[in-house]
Amino acid sequence: MSKDHIDEVTGIETTGHEWDGIRELNNPLPRWWVWTFYATIVWSIGYVIAYPAWPLISTATTGVLGYSSRQDVRAELDAAEAAKGGYVEAVSGKDVADILADEQLRLFAVSAGAAAFKVNCVQCHGSGAQGSAGYPNLNDDEWLWGGSVEQIRLTIAHGIRFAGDDETRFSEMPAFDYLEASQITDAANYVVSLSGGAADGAAAERGQTVYAENCAACHGDGGKGMADLGAPDLTDAIWLYGSTVADIASQMRAPKHGVMPAWGERLGDVTVKELAVYVHSLGGGE
């Protein structure tokens, strides 16, 4: 096909290429586009000379300007560390109650604690600290071991039933398998009735005696619980392992006991304090 063939419709010369009867028009690119393309080539050559560009075995070409994005990031991190250094030192030297009393220091601890919580705590307590079955909600006002900021700090530092810490919070509900099945059912109905749940009235009345003889020593005569023993309040609507008669009866027969790691040695005193202040700030702290 001759290159000087003229397309009958457009009047434009074709390139001489033809496929299945279709010819390619010889339309040149706009001059502005061509010059822009040339400019990008020149710019890229200059960039390669001025900045790091070509990867080598263990590094890269440095460029004549010696620029390093890693150095910039390191400088920013060092500046951030220097800026918070005074706050970290203050947190280290104060107890959690004093941190709460200092508004600027409290805000810093809440911010730092929130970051530590996302790294270490969300796996069990959830991203919003809402908990799940068997893992406490940290936003409510029910605390097995007390919800003051100092009590929260102790729980975080030493954990719950954590074998690696001699000061861990420890309590276990015994298995009431020595009771008859009917007694366990009656006691479970009574416990459900304490929180206003759906319970068999006659069974709950019988279960009150079973409760008084077997459960009141830890949970109290009125079922309000005892923070010193880690015994939960049975009169509210907050349940770790279910609130039905069947759930409570199952817990009486074969109690579930959660374990929380001791974070004190792993995270250090400062981070534990920051976590305690953050958790306390969620709204459920006493």
C-alpha atoms as a PDB file:
ATOM      1  CA  MET A   1       0.000   0.000   0.000  1.00  0.00           C
ATOM      2  CA  SER A   2       1.438   3.379  -0.968  1.00  0.00           C
ATOM      3  CA  LYS A   3       2.066   5.780   1.906  1.00  0.00           C
ATOM      4  CA  ASP A   4       0.764   8.756  -0.129  1.00  0.00           C
ATOM      5  CA  HIS A   5      -2.701   7.287  -0.348  1.00  0.00           C
ATOM      6  CA  ILE A   6      -5.331   9.924   0.512  1.00  0.00           C
ATOM      7  CA  ASP A   7      -8.372   8.944   2.576  1.00  0.00           C
ATOM      8  CA  GLU A   8     -11.484   9.733   0.546  1.00  0.00           C
ATOM      9  CA  VAL A   9     -13.614  10.773   3.552  1.00  0.00           C
ATOM     10  CA  THR A  10     -11.178  12.992   5.522  1.00  0.00           C
ATOM     11  CA  GLY A  11      -8.774  13.973   2.782  1.00  0.00           C
ATOM     12  CA  ILE A  12      -5.847  13.029   5.039  1.00  0.00           C
ATOM     13  CA  GLU A  13      -2.860  11.019   3.831  1.00  0.00           C
ATOM     14  CA  THR A  14      -2.645   7.493   5.294  1.00  0.00           C
ATOM     15  CA  THR A  15       0.456   5.863   6.766  1.00  0.00           C
ATOM     16  CA  GLY A  16       0.399   2.968   4.351  1.00  0.00           C
ATOM     17  CA  HIS A  17      -0.760   0.494   7.041  1.00  0.00           C
ATOM     18  CA  GLU A  18      -3.867  -1.478   6.262  1.00  0.00           C
ATOM     19  CA  TRP A  19      -5.667  -4.237   8.156  1.00  0.00           C
ATOM     20  CA  ASP A  20      -8.851  -5.880   7.018  1.00  0.00           C
ATOM     21  CA  GLY A  21      -9.581  -2.932   4.750  1.00  0.00           C
ATOM     22  CA  ILE A  22      -8.970  -0.330   7.474  1.00  0.00           C
ATOM     23  CA  ARG A  23      -6.236   2.264   6.835  1.00  0.00           C
ATOM     24  CA  GLU A  24      -4.419   4.327   9.490  1.00  0.00           C
ATOM     25  CA  LEU A  25      -4.558   8.098   9.027  1.00  0.00           C
ATOM     26  CA  ASN A  26      -1.255   9.924   9.235  1.00  0.00           C
ATOM     27  CA  ASN A  27      -2.344  12.436  11.900  1.00  0.00           C
ATOM     28  CA  PRO A  28       0.709  13.965  13.610  1.00  0.00           C
ATOM     29  CA  LEU A  29       0.622  14.590  17.364  1.00  0.00           C
ATOM     30  CA  PRO A  30      -0.052  18.192  18.465  1.00  0.00           C
ATOM     31  CA  ARG A  31       3.175  20.152  18.765  1.00  0.00           C
ATOM     32  CA  TRP A  32       2.398  21.212  22.349  1.00  0.00           C
ATOM     33  CA  TRP A  33       2.023  17.547  23.346  1.00  0.00           C
ATOM     34  CA  VAL A  34       5.316  16.587  21.675  1.00  0.00           C
ATOM     35  CA  TRP A  35       7.220  19.383  23.423  1.00  0.00           C
ATOM     36  CA  THR A  36       5.625  18.473  26.755  1.00  0.00           C
ATOM     37  CA  PHE A  37       6.749  14.895  26.273  1.00  0.00           C
ATOM     38  CA  TYR A  38      10.297  16.048  25.557  1.00  0.00           C
ATOM     39  CA  ALA A  39      10.189  18.241  28.671  1.00  0.00           C
ATOM     40  CA  THR A  40       9.249  15.278  30.876  1.00  0.00           C
ATOM     41  CA  ILE A  41      12.230  13.359  29.534  1.00  0.00           C
ATOM     42  CA  VAL A  42      14.554  16.231  30.376  1.00  0.00           C
ATOM     43  CA  TRP A  43      12.942  16.588  33.828  1.00  0.00           C
ATOM     44  CA  SER A  44      13.337  12.852  34.554  1.00  0.00           C
ATOM     45  CA  ILE A  45      17.015  12.970  33.664  1.00  0.00           C
ATOM     46  CA  GLY A  46      17.486  15.916  36.009  1.00  0.00           C
ATOM     47  CA  TYR A  47      15.593  14.113  38.772  1.00  0.00           C
ATOM     48  CA  VAL A  48      17.770  11.017  38.448  1.00  0.00           C
ATOM     49  CA  ILE A  49      20.866  13.200  38.779  1.00  0.00           C
ATOM     50  CA  ALA A  50      19.587  15.274  41.700  1.00  0.00           C
ATOM     51  CA  TYR A  51      17.696  12.718  43.840  1.00  0.00           C
ATOM     52  CA  PRO A  52      18.027   9.068  44.897  1.00  0.00           C
ATOM     53  CA  ALA A  53      16.817   6.994  41.998  1.00  0.00           C
ATOM     54  CA  TRP A  54      18.587   3.798  40.988  1.00  0.00           C
ATOM     55  CA  PRO A  55      18.492   0.878  43.446  1.00  0.00           C
ATOM     56  CA  LEU A  56      21.803  -0.832  44.176  1.00  0.00           C
ATOM     57  CA  ILE A  57      22.526  -4.076  46.068  1.00  0.00           C
ATOM     58  CA  SER A  58      22.201  -2.662  49.597  1.00  0.00           C
ATOM     59  CA  THR A  59      21.441   1.018  48.987  1.00  0.00           C
ATOM     60  CA  ALA A  60      20.585   3.371  46.122  1.00  0.00           C
ATOM     61  CA  THR A  61      22.179   6.221  44.227  1.00  0.00           C
ATOM     62  CA  THR A  62      22.128   9.259  46.530  1.00  0.00           C
ATOM     63  CA  GLY A  63      21.825  12.074  43.998  1.00  0.00           C
ATOM     64  CA  VAL A  64      23.880  15.256  43.993  1.00  0.00           C
ATOM     65  CA  LEU A  65      21.496  16.956  46.478  1.00  0.00           C
ATOM     66  CA  GLY A  66      21.960  14.182  49.045  1.00  0.00           C
ATOM     67  CA  TYR A  67      18.242  14.198  49.910  1.00  0.00           C
ATOM     68  CA  SER A  68      16.845  11.346  52.041  1.00  0.00           C
ATOM     69  CA  SER A  69      13.176  10.898  52.884  1.00  0.00           C
ATOM     70  CA  ARG A  70      14.225   8.535  55.668  1.00  0.00           C
ATOM     71  CA  GLN A  71      16.281  11.286  57.263  1.00  0.00           C
ATOM     72  CA  ASP A  72      13.267  13.603  57.066  1.00  0.00           C
ATOM     73  CA  VAL A  73      11.040  11.039  58.772  1.00  0.00           C
ATOM     74  CA  ARG A  74      13.687  10.371  61.420  1.00  0.00           C
ATOM     75  CA  ALA A  75      14.004  14.104  62.082  1.00  0.00           C
ATOM     76  CA  GLU A  76      10.222  14.399  62.470  1.00  0.00           C
ATOM     77  CA  LEU A  77      10.128  11.411  64.838  1.00  0.00           C
ATOM     78  CA  ASP A  78      12.994  12.808  66.902  1.00  0.00           C
ATOM     79  CA  ALA A  79      11.205  16.156  67.118  1.00  0.00           C
ATOM     80  CA  ALA A  80       8.007  14.409  68.241  1.00  0.00           C
ATOM     81  CA  GLU A  81       9.911  12.437  70.876  1.00  0.00           C
ATOM     82  CA  ALA A  82      11.562  15.590  72.141  1.00  0.00           C
ATOM     83  CA  ALA A  83       8.207  17.398  72.277  1.00  0.00           C
ATOM     84  CA  LYS A  84       6.580  14.703  74.388  1.00  0.00           C
ATOM     85  CA  GLY A  85       9.660  14.013  76.513  1.00  0.00           C
ATOM     86  CA  GLY A  86       8.554  16.379  79.260  1.00  0.00           C
ATOM     87  CA  TYR A  87       5.094  14.817  79.407  1.00  0.00           C
ATOM     88  CA  VAL A  88       6.499  11.295  79.574  1.00  0.00           C
ATOM     89  CA  GLU A  89       8.790  12.313  82.410  1.00  0.00           C
ATOM     90  CA  ALA A  90       5.844  13.877  84.244  1.00  0.00           C
ATOM     91  CA  VAL A  91       3.717  10.743  83.798  1.00  0.00           C
ATOM     92  CA  SER A  92       6.594   8.656  85.093  1.00  0.00           C
ATOM     93  CA  GLY A  93       6.930  10.748  88.232  1.00  0.00           C
ATOM     94  CA  LYS A  94       3.246  10.981  89.183  1.00  0.00           C
ATOM     95  CA  ASP A  95       0.609   8.516  90.252  1.00  0.00           C
ATOM     96  CA  VAL A  96      -2.523   8.165  88.144  1.00  0.00           C
ATOM     97  CA  ALA A  97      -4.679  10.295  90.462  1.00  0.00           C
ATOM     98  CA  ASP A  98      -2.253  13.218  90.085  1.00  0.00           C
ATOM     99  CA  ILE A  99      -2.238  12.735  86.314  1.00  0.00           C
ATOM    100  CA  LEU A 100      -6.027  13.087  86.277  1.00  0.00           C
ATOM    101  CA  ALA A 101      -5.756  16.303  88.289  1.00  0.00           C
ATOM    102  CA  ASP A 102      -3.455  17.912  85.676  1.00  0.00           C
ATOM    103  CA  GLU A 103      -5.610  18.622  82.617  1.00  0.00           C
ATOM    104  CA  GLN A 104      -2.747  18.929  80.110  1.00  0.00           C
ATOM    105  CA  LEU A 105      -1.085  15.790  81.422  1.00  0.00           C
ATOM    106  CA  ARG A 106      -4.426  13.953  81.452  1.00  0.00           C
ATOM    107  CA  LEU A 107      -5.040  14.821  77.797  1.00  0.00           C
ATOM    108  CA  PHE A 108      -1.553  13.622  76.883  1.00  0.00           C
ATOM    109  CA  ALA A 109      -2.037  10.352  78.798  1.00  0.00           C
ATOM    110  CA  VAL A 110      -5.441   9.763  77.179  1.00  0.00           C
ATOM    111  CA  SER A 111      -3.955  10.265  73.712  1.00  0.00           C
ATOM    112  CA  ALA A 112      -0.938   8.037  74.392  1.00  0.00           C
ATOM    113  CA  GLY A 113      -3.121   5.429  76.098  1.00  0.00           C
ATOM    114  CA  ALA A 114      -5.494   5.319  73.139  1.00  0.00           C
ATOM    115  CA  ALA A 115      -2.577   4.482  70.844  1.00  0.00           C
ATOM    116  CA  ALA A 116      -1.325   1.770  73.221  1.00  0.00           C
ATOM    117  CA  PHE A 117      -4.847   0.368  73.522  1.00  0.00           C
ATOM    118  CA  LYS A 118      -5.132  -0.052  69.734  1.00  0.00           C
ATOM    119  CA  VAL A 119      -1.894  -2.037  69.674  1.00  0.00           C
ATOM    120  CA  ASN A 120      -2.353  -4.226  72.752  1.00  0.00           C
ATOM    121  CA  CYS A 121      -5.994  -4.391  73.872  1.00  0.00           C
ATOM    122  CA  VAL A 122      -8.397  -4.329  70.919  1.00  0.00           C
ATOM    123  CA  GLN A 123      -7.863  -8.035  70.200  1.00  0.00           C
ATOM    124  CA  CYS A 124      -9.969  -8.892  73.268  1.00  0.00           C
ATOM    125  CA  HIS A 125     -11.863  -5.741  74.204  1.00  0.00           C
ATOM    126  CA  GLY A 126     -12.656  -4.561  70.664  1.00  0.00           C
ATOM    127  CA  SER A 127     -11.688  -1.414  68.777  1.00  0.00           C
ATOM    128  CA  GLY A 128     -14.284   0.578  70.691  1.00  0.00           C
ATOM    129  CA  ALA A 129     -13.566  -1.170  74.027  1.00  0.00           C
ATOM    130  CA  GLN A 130     -17.076  -2.631  73.799  1.00  0.00           C
ATOM    131  CA  GLY A 131     -15.923  -6.132  74.696  1.00  0.00           C
ATOM    132  CA  SER A 132     -17.649  -9.356  73.665  1.00  0.00           C
ATOM    133  CA  ALA A 133     -18.806 -12.623  75.221  1.00  0.00           C
ATOM    134  CA  GLY A 134     -16.285 -13.378  77.964  1.00  0.00           C
ATOM    135  CA  TYR A 135     -14.438 -10.068  77.523  1.00  0.00           C
ATOM    136  CA  PRO A 136     -15.620  -7.073  79.585  1.00  0.00           C
ATOM    137  CA  ASN A 137     -17.057  -3.914  78.083  1.00  0.00           C
ATOM    138  CA  LEU A 138     -14.837  -1.080  79.304  1.00  0.00           C
ATOM    139  CA  ASN A 139     -17.408   1.617  78.527  1.00  0.00           C
ATOM    140  CA  ASP A 140     -19.977   0.652  81.160  1.00  0.00           C
ATOM    141  CA  ASP A 141     -19.879   1.284  84.890  1.00  0.00           C
ATOM    142  CA  GLU A 142     -19.517  -2.333  86.011  1.00  0.00           C
ATOM    143  CA  TRP A 143     -16.028  -3.291  87.212  1.00  0.00           C
ATOM    144  CA  LEU A 144     -15.171  -6.680  88.662  1.00  0.00           C
ATOM    145  CA  TRP A 145     -12.111  -5.320  90.483  1.00  0.00           C
ATOM    146  CA  GLY A 146     -13.167  -1.712  90.911  1.00  0.00           C
ATOM    147  CA  GLY A 147     -13.254   1.142  88.399  1.00  0.00           C
ATOM    148  CA  SER A 148     -11.152   3.832  90.046  1.00  0.00           C
ATOM    149  CA  VAL A 149      -8.179   4.872  87.956  1.00  0.00           C
ATOM    150  CA  GLU A 150      -5.787   3.271  90.462  1.00  0.00           C
ATOM    151  CA  GLN A 151      -7.745   0.007  90.503  1.00  0.00           C
ATOM    152  CA  ILE A 152      -7.731  -0.022  86.704  1.00  0.00           C
ATOM    153  CA  ARG A 153      -3.964   0.544  86.732  1.00  0.00           C
ATOM    154  CA  LEU A 154      -3.469  -2.391  89.090  1.00  0.00           C
ATOM    155  CA  THR A 155      -5.587  -4.651  86.885  1.00  0.00           C
ATOM    156  CA  ILE A 156      -3.655  -3.675  83.750  1.00  0.00           C
ATOM    157  CA  ALA A 157      -0.271  -3.968  85.436  1.00  0.00           C
ATOM    158  CA  HIS A 158      -0.813  -7.363  87.078  1.00  0.00           C
ATOM    159  CA  GLY A 159      -3.547  -8.963  84.996  1.00  0.00           C
ATOM    160  CA  ILE A 160      -6.292 -11.372  85.990  1.00  0.00           C
ATOM    161  CA  ARG A 161      -5.384 -14.955  86.966  1.00  0.00           C
ATOM    162  CA  PHE A 162      -2.078 -14.510  85.132  1.00  0.00           C
ATOM    163  CA  ALA A 163       0.336 -17.183  86.280  1.00  0.00           C
ATOM    164  CA  GLY A 164       3.425 -15.116  85.486  1.00  0.00           C
ATOM    165  CA  ASP A 165       2.661 -12.350  88.002  1.00  0.00           C
ATOM    166  CA  ASP A 166       2.665 -12.923  91.767  1.00  0.00           C
ATOM    167  CA  GLU A 167       0.420  -9.897  92.313  1.00  0.00           C
ATOM    168  CA  THR A 168      -2.165 -10.826  89.717  1.00  0.00           C
ATOM    169  CA  ARG A 169      -5.846 -10.314  90.537  1.00  0.00           C
ATOM    170  CA  PHE A 170      -7.083 -13.751  91.448  1.00  0.00           C
ATOM    171  CA  SER A 171     -10.452 -15.233  92.317  1.00  0.00           C
ATOM    172  CA  GLU A 172     -12.300 -18.283  91.083  1.00  0.00           C
ATOM    173  CA  MET A 173     -15.926 -19.219  91.357  1.00  0.00           C
ATOM    174  CA  PRO A 174     -16.209 -22.807  92.609  1.00  0.00           C
ATOM    175  CA  ALA A 175     -18.135 -25.444  90.731  1.00  0.00           C
ATOM    176  CA  PHE A 176     -21.380 -26.114  92.589  1.00  0.00           C
ATOM    177  CA  ASP A 177     -21.619 -29.634  91.243  1.00  0.00           C
ATOM    178  CA  TYR A 178     -22.247 -30.897  94.774  1.00  0.00           C
ATOM    179  CA  LEU A 179     -25.702 -29.307  94.593  1.00  0.00           C
ATOM    180  CA  GLU A 180     -28.628 -31.170  93.121  1.00  0.00           C
ATOM    181  CA  ALA A 181     -29.685 -30.193  89.622  1.00  0.00           C
ATOM    182  CA  SER A 182     -32.961 -28.773  90.945  1.00  0.00           C
ATOM    183  CA  GLN A 183     -31.090 -26.616  93.465  1.00  0.00           C
ATOM    184  CA  ILE A 184     -28.855 -25.179  90.741  1.00  0.00           C
ATOM    185  CA  THR A 185     -31.896 -24.414  88.592  1.00  0.00           C
ATOM    186  CA  ASP A 186     -33.652 -22.755  91.525  1.00  0.00           C
ATOM    187  CA  ALA A 187     -30.574 -20.662  92.384  1.00  0.00           C
ATOM    188  CA  ALA A 188     -30.181 -19.658  88.723  1.00  0.00           C
ATOM    189  CA  ASN A 189     -33.820 -18.500  88.652  1.00  0.00           C
ATOM    190  CA  TYR A 190     -33.247 -16.452  91.791  1.00  0.00           C
ATOM    191  CA  VAL A 191     -30.141 -14.815  90.305  1.00  0.00           C
ATOM    192  CA  VAL A 192     -32.060 -13.986  87.106  1.00  0.00           C
ATOM    193  CA  SER A 193     -34.805 -12.420  89.204  1.00  0.00           C
ATOM    194  CA  LEU A 194     -32.291 -10.094  90.878  1.00  0.00           C
ATOM    195  CA  SER A 195     -31.742  -8.257  87.592  1.00  0.00           C
ATOM    196  CA  GLY A 196     -35.393  -8.315  86.562  1.00  0.00           C
ATOM    197  CA  GLY A 197     -34.972 -11.110  84.033  1.00  0.00           C
ATOM    198  CA  ALA A 198     -37.518 -13.749  83.069  1.00  0.00           C
ATOM    199  CA  ALA A 199     -37.504 -16.210  85.960  1.00  0.00           C
ATOM    200  CA  ASP A 200     -39.842 -18.828  87.398  1.00  0.00           C
ATOM    201  CA  GLY A 201     -41.243 -17.197  90.527  1.00  0.00           C
ATOM    202  CA  ALA A 202     -41.645 -20.361  92.564  1.00  0.00           C
ATOM    203  CA  ALA A 203     -38.184 -21.610  91.606  1.00  0.00           C
ATOM    204  CA  ALA A 204     -36.653 -18.203  92.414  1.00  0.00           C
ATOM    205  CA  GLU A 205     -38.270 -18.274  95.844  1.00  0.00           C
ATOM    206  CA  ARG A 206     -36.753 -21.689  96.547  1.00  0.00           C
ATOM    207  CA  GLY A 207     -33.442 -20.579  95.066  1.00  0.00           C
ATOM    208  CA  GLN A 208     -33.127 -17.685  97.488  1.00  0.00           C
ATOM    209  CA  THR A 209     -32.217 -20.125 100.243  1.00  0.00           C
ATOM    210  CA  VAL A 210     -29.717 -21.922  98.000  1.00  0.00           C
ATOM    211  CA  TYR A 211     -28.193 -18.563  97.094  1.00  0.00           C
ATOM    212  CA  ALA A 212     -27.908 -17.457 100.717  1.00  0.00           C
ATOM    213  CA  GLU A 213     -26.140 -20.665 101.695  1.00  0.00           C
ATOM    214  CA  ASN A 214     -23.772 -20.923  98.740  1.00  0.00           C
ATOM    215  CA  CYS A 215     -23.383 -17.615  96.877  1.00  0.00           C
ATOM    216  CA  ALA A 216     -23.907 -14.704  99.264  1.00  0.00           C
ATOM    217  CA  ALA A 217     -20.433 -15.054 100.792  1.00  0.00           C
ATOM    218  CA  CYS A 218     -18.927 -13.589  97.600  1.00  0.00           C
ATOM    219  CA  HIS A 219     -21.793 -11.854  95.802  1.00  0.00           C
ATOM    220  CA  GLY A 220     -23.371 -10.362  98.921  1.00  0.00           C
ATOM    221  CA  ASP A 221     -26.790 -10.839 100.458  1.00  0.00           C
ATOM    222  CA  GLY A 222     -28.374  -8.571  97.870  1.00  0.00           C
ATOM    223  CA  GLY A 223     -26.267  -9.808  94.975  1.00  0.00           C
ATOM    224  CA  LYS A 224     -24.387  -6.511  94.565  1.00  0.00           C
ATOM    225  CA  GLY A 225     -21.003  -8.246  94.326  1.00  0.00           C
ATOM    226  CA  MET A 226     -17.670  -7.456  95.964  1.00  0.00           C
ATOM    227  CA  ALA A 227     -14.917  -5.684  94.031  1.00  0.00           C
ATOM    228  CA  ASP A 228     -12.273  -6.820  96.528  1.00  0.00           C
ATOM    229  CA  LEU A 229     -13.009 -10.424  95.509  1.00  0.00           C
ATOM    230  CA  GLY A 230     -13.682  -9.773  91.828  1.00  0.00           C
ATOM    231  CA  ALA A 231     -17.235 -11.032  92.393  1.00  0.00           C
ATOM    232  CA  PRO A 232     -19.651  -9.453  89.878  1.00  0.00           C
ATOM    233  CA  ASP A 233     -22.826  -7.559  90.673  1.00  0.00           C
ATOM    234  CA  LEU A 234     -25.745  -9.869  89.870  1.00  0.00           C
ATOM    235  CA  THR A 235     -28.421  -7.167  90.009  1.00  0.00           C
ATOM    236  CA  ASP A 236     -27.574  -5.360  86.774  1.00  0.00           C
ATOM    237  CA  ALA A 237     -27.982  -6.365  83.133  1.00  0.00           C
ATOM    238  CA  ILE A 238     -24.260  -6.878  82.474  1.00  0.00           C
ATOM    239  CA  TRP A 239     -23.212 -10.513  82.020  1.00  0.00           C
ATOM    240  CA  LEU A 240     -19.979 -11.906  80.668  1.00  0.00           C
ATOM    241  CA  TYR A 241     -21.254 -15.412  79.991  1.00  0.00           C
ATOM    242  CA  GLY A 242     -24.975 -14.955  79.395  1.00  0.00           C
ATOM    243  CA  SER A 243     -27.983 -13.906  81.471  1.00  0.00           C
ATOM    244  CA  THR A 244     -30.530 -16.682  80.933  1.00  0.00           C
ATOM    245  CA  VAL A 245     -31.379 -19.307  83.537  1.00  0.00           C
ATOM    246  CA  ALA A 246     -29.577 -21.914  81.412  1.00  0.00           C
ATOM    247  CA  ASP A 247     -26.466 -19.689  81.084  1.00  0.00           C
ATOM    248  CA  ILE A 248     -26.257 -19.046  84.809  1.00  0.00           C
ATOM    249  CA  ALA A 249     -26.912 -22.685  85.707  1.00  0.00           C
ATOM    250  CA  SER A 250     -24.116 -23.699  83.346  1.00  0.00           C
ATOM    251  CA  GLN A 251     -21.764 -21.206  84.997  1.00  0.00           C
ATOM    252  CA  MET A 252     -22.637 -22.641  88.406  1.00  0.00           C
ATOM    253  CA  ARG A 253     -21.923 -26.201  87.288  1.00  0.00           C
ATOM    254  CA  ALA A 254     -18.718 -25.510  85.345  1.00  0.00           C
ATOM    255  CA  PRO A 255     -17.535 -21.926  85.858  1.00  0.00           C
ATOM    256  CA  LYS A 256     -15.602 -20.132  83.118  1.00  0.00           C
ATOM    257  CA  HIS A 257     -12.631 -18.110  84.339  1.00  0.00           C
ATOM    258  CA  GLY A 258     -11.117 -15.538  82.024  1.00  0.00           C
ATOM    259  CA  VAL A 259      -7.415 -14.685  82.001  1.00  0.00           C
ATOM    260  CA  MET A 260      -5.922 -11.280  81.280  1.00  0.00           C
ATOM    261  CA  PRO A 261      -2.170 -10.866  80.787  1.00  0.00           C
ATOM    262  CA  ALA A 262      -0.130  -8.732  83.154  1.00  0.00           C
ATOM    263  CA  TRP A 263       1.047  -5.792  81.053  1.00  0.00           C
ATOM    264  CA  GLY A 264       3.294  -4.091  83.601  1.00  0.00           C
ATOM    265  CA  GLU A 265       6.533  -5.837  82.763  1.00  0.00           C
ATOM    266  CA  ARG A 266       5.834  -5.948  79.038  1.00  0.00           C
ATOM    267  CA  LEU A 267       4.792  -2.317  78.506  1.00  0.00           C
ATOM    268  CA  GLY A 268       6.434  -0.502  81.392  1.00  0.00           C
ATOM    269  CA  ASP A 269       5.039   1.730  84.120  1.00  0.00           C
ATOM    270  CA  VAL A 270       4.472   4.816  81.948  1.00  0.00           C
ATOM    271  CA  THR A 271       2.416   3.033  79.293  1.00  0.00           C
ATOM    272  CA  VAL A 272       0.381   1.203  81.947  1.00  0.00           C
ATOM    273  CA  LYS A 273      -0.486   4.546  83.557  1.00  0.00           C
ATOM    274  CA  GLU A 274      -1.447   5.985  80.172  1.00  0.00           C
ATOM    275  CA  LEU A 275      -3.658   2.974  79.475  1.00  0.00           C
ATOM    276  CA  ALA A 276      -5.318   3.294  82.882  1.00  0.00           C
ATOM    277  CA  VAL A 277      -6.101   6.979  82.308  1.00  0.00           C
ATOM    278  CA  TYR A 278      -7.428   6.224  78.817  1.00  0.00           C
ATOM    279  CA  VAL A 279      -9.663   3.356  79.942  1.00  0.00           C
ATOM    280  CA  HIS A 280     -10.902   5.465  82.849  1.00  0.00           C
ATOM    281  CA  SER A 281     -11.747   8.255  80.380  1.00  0.00           C
ATOM    282  CA  LEU A 282     -14.030   6.035  78.312  1.00  0.00           C
ATOM    283  CA  GLY A 283     -16.896   6.902  80.621  1.00  0.00           C
ATOM    284  CA  GLY A 284     -17.241   3.821  82.762  1.00  0.00           C
ATOM    285  CA  GLY A 285     -14.541   4.602  85.293  1.00  0.00           C
ATOM    286  CA  GLU A 286     -15.702   5.209  88.836  1.00  0.00           C
END
